[in-house]
């Protein structure tokens, strides 16, 4: 299984959107500073996760979260 996920920074309360096959392992990488784009914003907590059948679907969902329509969807459904 693959997952699209949203992390919330406890430092600046902003969100990070991603996809992976192991959310816990990915969270550890974000929190340990191994992800260049988020190392200055750690620590993070998992805010939201969706399960997908394959990597392609998880990545498409990640891109959706990052789009204007995705932003609206997340707000309307009180996810972010």
N, C-alpha and C. Protein backbone atom coordinates (compact mmCIF):
# COMPACT_ATOMS: atom_id res chain seq x y z
N UNK A 1 0.84 -1.19 0.00
CA UNK A 1 0.00 0.00 0.00
C UNK A 1 0.88 1.25 0.00
N UNK A 2 0.31 2.30 -0.53
CA UNK A 2 0.97 3.61 -0.54
C UNK A 2 0.03 4.62 0.10
N UNK A 3 0.60 5.71 0.54
CA UNK A 3 -0.17 6.68 1.29
C UNK A 3 0.15 8.10 0.83
N UNK A 4 -0.87 8.93 0.81
CA UNK A 4 -0.66 10.37 0.71
C UNK A 4 -0.87 10.87 2.13
N UNK A 5 -0.08 11.87 2.52
CA UNK A 5 -0.15 12.29 3.91
C UNK A 5 0.02 13.80 4.03
N UNK A 6 -0.44 14.30 5.16
CA UNK A 6 -0.25 15.69 5.51
C UNK A 6 0.38 15.72 6.89
N UNK A 7 1.50 16.40 6.99
CA UNK A 7 2.16 16.60 8.27
C UNK A 7 1.93 18.04 8.71
N UNK A 8 1.86 18.23 10.01
CA UNK A 8 1.74 19.59 10.55
C UNK A 8 2.98 19.88 11.38
N UNK A 9 3.60 21.01 11.08
CA UNK A 9 4.78 21.44 11.83
C UNK A 9 4.34 22.00 13.18
N UNK A 10 4.94 21.51 14.24
CA UNK A 10 4.66 22.07 15.57
C UNK A 10 5.40 23.38 15.79
N UNK A 11 6.36 23.66 14.94
CA UNK A 11 7.14 24.88 15.05
C UNK A 11 6.40 26.08 14.46
N UNK A 12 5.90 25.93 13.22
CA UNK A 12 5.24 27.06 12.56
C UNK A 12 3.77 26.80 12.22
N UNK A 13 3.25 25.62 12.59
CA UNK A 13 1.86 25.23 12.37
C UNK A 13 1.44 25.19 10.90
N UNK A 14 2.41 25.10 10.00
CA UNK A 14 2.11 24.96 8.57
C UNK A 14 2.10 23.49 8.21
N UNK A 15 1.59 23.19 7.03
CA UNK A 15 1.43 21.81 6.59
C UNK A 15 2.46 21.44 5.53
N UNK A 16 2.75 20.15 5.48
CA UNK A 16 3.60 19.58 4.44
C UNK A 16 2.83 18.42 3.84
N UNK A 17 2.78 18.34 2.51
CA UNK A 17 2.05 17.29 1.80
C UNK A 17 3.04 16.35 1.13
N UNK A 18 2.78 15.05 1.24
CA UNK A 18 3.70 14.09 0.63
C UNK A 18 3.02 12.76 0.36
N UNK A 19 3.79 11.82 -0.17
CA UNK A 19 3.31 10.46 -0.41
C UNK A 19 4.47 9.50 -0.16
N UNK A 20 4.13 8.29 0.28
CA UNK A 20 5.15 7.32 0.66
C UNK A 20 4.51 5.93 0.80
N UNK A 21 5.35 4.93 0.99
CA UNK A 21 4.83 3.59 1.29
C UNK A 21 4.95 3.28 2.78
N UNK A 22 5.55 4.19 3.56
CA UNK A 22 5.69 3.99 5.01
C UNK A 22 5.66 5.35 5.71
N UNK A 23 4.50 5.71 6.21
CA UNK A 23 4.30 7.03 6.81
C UNK A 23 5.17 7.21 8.05
N UNK A 24 5.25 6.20 8.90
CA UNK A 24 6.05 6.34 10.13
C UNK A 24 7.53 6.55 9.84
N UNK A 25 8.05 5.80 8.89
CA UNK A 25 9.46 5.96 8.50
C UNK A 25 9.69 7.36 7.91
N UNK A 26 8.76 7.81 7.11
CA UNK A 26 8.88 9.13 6.48
C UNK A 26 8.82 10.23 7.54
N UNK A 27 7.95 10.08 8.52
CA UNK A 27 7.85 11.05 9.61
C UNK A 27 9.17 11.14 10.36
N UNK A 28 9.79 10.00 10.62
CA UNK A 28 11.09 9.99 11.30
C UNK A 28 12.14 10.75 10.50
N UNK A 29 12.12 10.59 9.17
CA UNK A 29 13.08 11.31 8.32
C UNK A 29 12.85 12.82 8.40
N UNK A 30 11.57 13.23 8.36
CA UNK A 30 11.27 14.66 8.46
C UNK A 30 11.73 15.21 9.81
N UNK A 31 11.44 14.50 10.87
CA UNK A 31 11.76 14.99 12.21
C UNK A 31 13.24 14.92 12.55
N UNK A 32 14.01 14.10 11.85
CA UNK A 32 15.44 14.00 12.13
C UNK A 32 16.26 14.94 11.24
N UNK A 33 15.59 15.73 10.40
CA UNK A 33 16.30 16.70 9.57
C UNK A 33 16.87 16.14 8.29
N UNK A 34 16.46 14.94 7.90
CA UNK A 34 16.98 14.31 6.68
C UNK A 34 16.28 14.77 5.41
N UNK A 35 15.21 15.55 5.55
CA UNK A 35 14.48 16.08 4.39
C UNK A 35 14.80 17.56 4.29
N UNK A 36 15.52 17.92 3.24
CA UNK A 36 16.03 19.29 3.07
C UNK A 36 14.93 20.35 3.18
N UNK A 37 13.78 20.09 2.56
CA UNK A 37 12.74 21.12 2.51
C UNK A 37 12.02 21.32 3.84
N UNK A 38 12.19 20.41 4.80
CA UNK A 38 11.45 20.55 6.05
C UNK A 38 12.34 20.59 7.30
N UNK A 39 13.64 20.47 7.14
CA UNK A 39 14.48 20.33 8.32
C UNK A 39 14.42 21.54 9.26
N UNK A 40 14.16 22.70 8.74
CA UNK A 40 14.07 23.90 9.57
C UNK A 40 12.70 24.08 10.22
N UNK A 41 11.74 23.20 9.89
CA UNK A 41 10.38 23.32 10.42
C UNK A 41 10.00 22.23 11.41
N UNK A 42 10.90 21.30 11.69
CA UNK A 42 10.62 20.18 12.60
C UNK A 42 10.43 20.72 14.02
N UNK A 43 9.68 20.03 14.83
CA UNK A 43 9.10 18.69 14.66
C UNK A 43 7.74 18.72 13.96
N UNK A 44 7.39 17.56 13.41
CA UNK A 44 6.12 17.36 12.72
C UNK A 44 5.30 16.28 13.40
N UNK A 45 3.99 16.36 13.19
CA UNK A 45 3.08 15.28 13.59
C UNK A 45 2.25 14.92 12.37
N UNK A 46 1.80 13.68 12.30
CA UNK A 46 0.93 13.26 11.21
C UNK A 46 -0.44 13.89 11.45
N UNK A 47 -0.91 14.62 10.47
CA UNK A 47 -2.19 15.31 10.57
C UNK A 47 -3.30 14.54 9.84
N UNK A 48 -2.97 13.93 8.69
CA UNK A 48 -3.97 13.26 7.87
C UNK A 48 -3.28 12.26 6.96
N UNK A 49 -3.91 11.10 6.75
CA UNK A 49 -3.35 10.05 5.88
C UNK A 49 -4.48 9.43 5.06
N UNK A 50 -4.20 9.19 3.79
CA UNK A 50 -5.11 8.43 2.91
C UNK A 50 -4.34 7.26 2.32
N UNK A 51 -4.98 6.11 2.25
CA UNK A 51 -4.36 4.90 1.71
C UNK A 51 -4.73 4.74 0.24
N UNK A 52 -3.75 4.29 -0.56
CA UNK A 52 -3.96 4.11 -2.00
C UNK A 52 -3.40 2.76 -2.44
N UNK A 53 -3.89 2.26 -3.56
CA UNK A 53 -3.48 0.95 -4.05
C UNK A 53 -2.08 0.93 -4.63
N UNK A 54 -1.62 2.08 -5.15
CA UNK A 54 -0.29 2.11 -5.76
C UNK A 54 0.34 3.50 -5.62
N UNK A 55 1.60 3.55 -5.99
CA UNK A 55 2.39 4.77 -5.85
C UNK A 55 1.84 5.91 -6.70
N UNK A 56 1.42 5.58 -7.91
CA UNK A 56 0.90 6.60 -8.83
C UNK A 56 -0.31 7.31 -8.24
N UNK A 57 -1.25 6.56 -7.68
CA UNK A 57 -2.45 7.16 -7.10
C UNK A 57 -2.10 8.03 -5.89
N UNK A 58 -1.17 7.56 -5.07
CA UNK A 58 -0.76 8.33 -3.90
C UNK A 58 -0.10 9.64 -4.33
N UNK A 59 0.74 9.58 -5.35
CA UNK A 59 1.41 10.79 -5.83
C UNK A 59 0.42 11.76 -6.46
N UNK A 60 -0.56 11.26 -7.20
CA UNK A 60 -1.58 12.13 -7.79
C UNK A 60 -2.37 12.84 -6.71
N UNK A 61 -2.66 12.13 -5.63
CA UNK A 61 -3.39 12.74 -4.52
C UNK A 61 -2.54 13.82 -3.84
N UNK A 62 -1.24 13.56 -3.70
CA UNK A 62 -0.33 14.56 -3.15
C UNK A 62 -0.37 15.83 -4.01
N UNK A 63 -0.30 15.67 -5.31
CA UNK A 63 -0.37 16.83 -6.21
C UNK A 63 -1.70 17.55 -6.09
N UNK A 64 -2.77 16.78 -5.89
CA UNK A 64 -4.09 17.38 -5.70
C UNK A 64 -4.10 18.26 -4.45
N UNK A 65 -3.55 17.76 -3.35
CA UNK A 65 -3.49 18.55 -2.11
C UNK A 65 -2.81 19.90 -2.36
N UNK A 66 -1.81 19.90 -3.22
CA UNK A 66 -1.02 21.10 -3.48
C UNK A 66 -1.67 22.06 -4.47
N UNK A 67 -2.78 21.64 -5.08
CA UNK A 67 -3.46 22.47 -6.08
C UNK A 67 -4.48 23.39 -5.41
N UNK A 68 -4.98 24.34 -6.17
CA UNK A 68 -6.02 25.24 -5.68
C UNK A 68 -7.27 24.44 -5.32
N UNK A 69 -7.67 23.52 -6.17
CA UNK A 69 -8.85 22.70 -5.89
C UNK A 69 -8.63 21.84 -4.65
N UNK A 70 -7.44 21.33 -4.49
CA UNK A 70 -7.12 20.53 -3.32
C UNK A 70 -7.16 21.36 -2.05
N UNK A 71 -6.64 22.57 -2.13
CA UNK A 71 -6.69 23.49 -0.98
C UNK A 71 -8.14 23.71 -0.55
N UNK A 72 -9.00 23.96 -1.53
CA UNK A 72 -10.42 24.16 -1.24
C UNK A 72 -11.04 22.91 -0.62
N UNK A 73 -10.73 21.76 -1.20
CA UNK A 73 -11.25 20.49 -0.68
C UNK A 73 -10.84 20.28 0.78
N UNK A 74 -9.57 20.51 1.08
CA UNK A 74 -9.07 20.32 2.44
C UNK A 74 -9.74 21.29 3.41
N UNK A 75 -9.98 22.52 2.99
CA UNK A 75 -10.65 23.50 3.84
C UNK A 75 -12.12 23.16 4.03
N UNK A 76 -12.80 22.82 2.94
CA UNK A 76 -14.24 22.51 3.01
C UNK A 76 -14.52 21.29 3.88
N UNK A 77 -13.60 20.35 3.88
CA UNK A 77 -13.77 19.13 4.68
C UNK A 77 -13.08 19.21 6.03
N UNK A 78 -12.65 20.42 6.38
CA UNK A 78 -12.03 20.71 7.68
C UNK A 78 -10.85 19.78 8.01
N UNK A 79 -10.06 19.50 6.96
CA UNK A 79 -8.86 18.67 7.13
C UNK A 79 -7.68 19.57 7.50
N UNK A 80 -7.63 20.74 6.89
CA UNK A 80 -6.58 21.70 7.25
C UNK A 80 -7.23 23.02 7.63
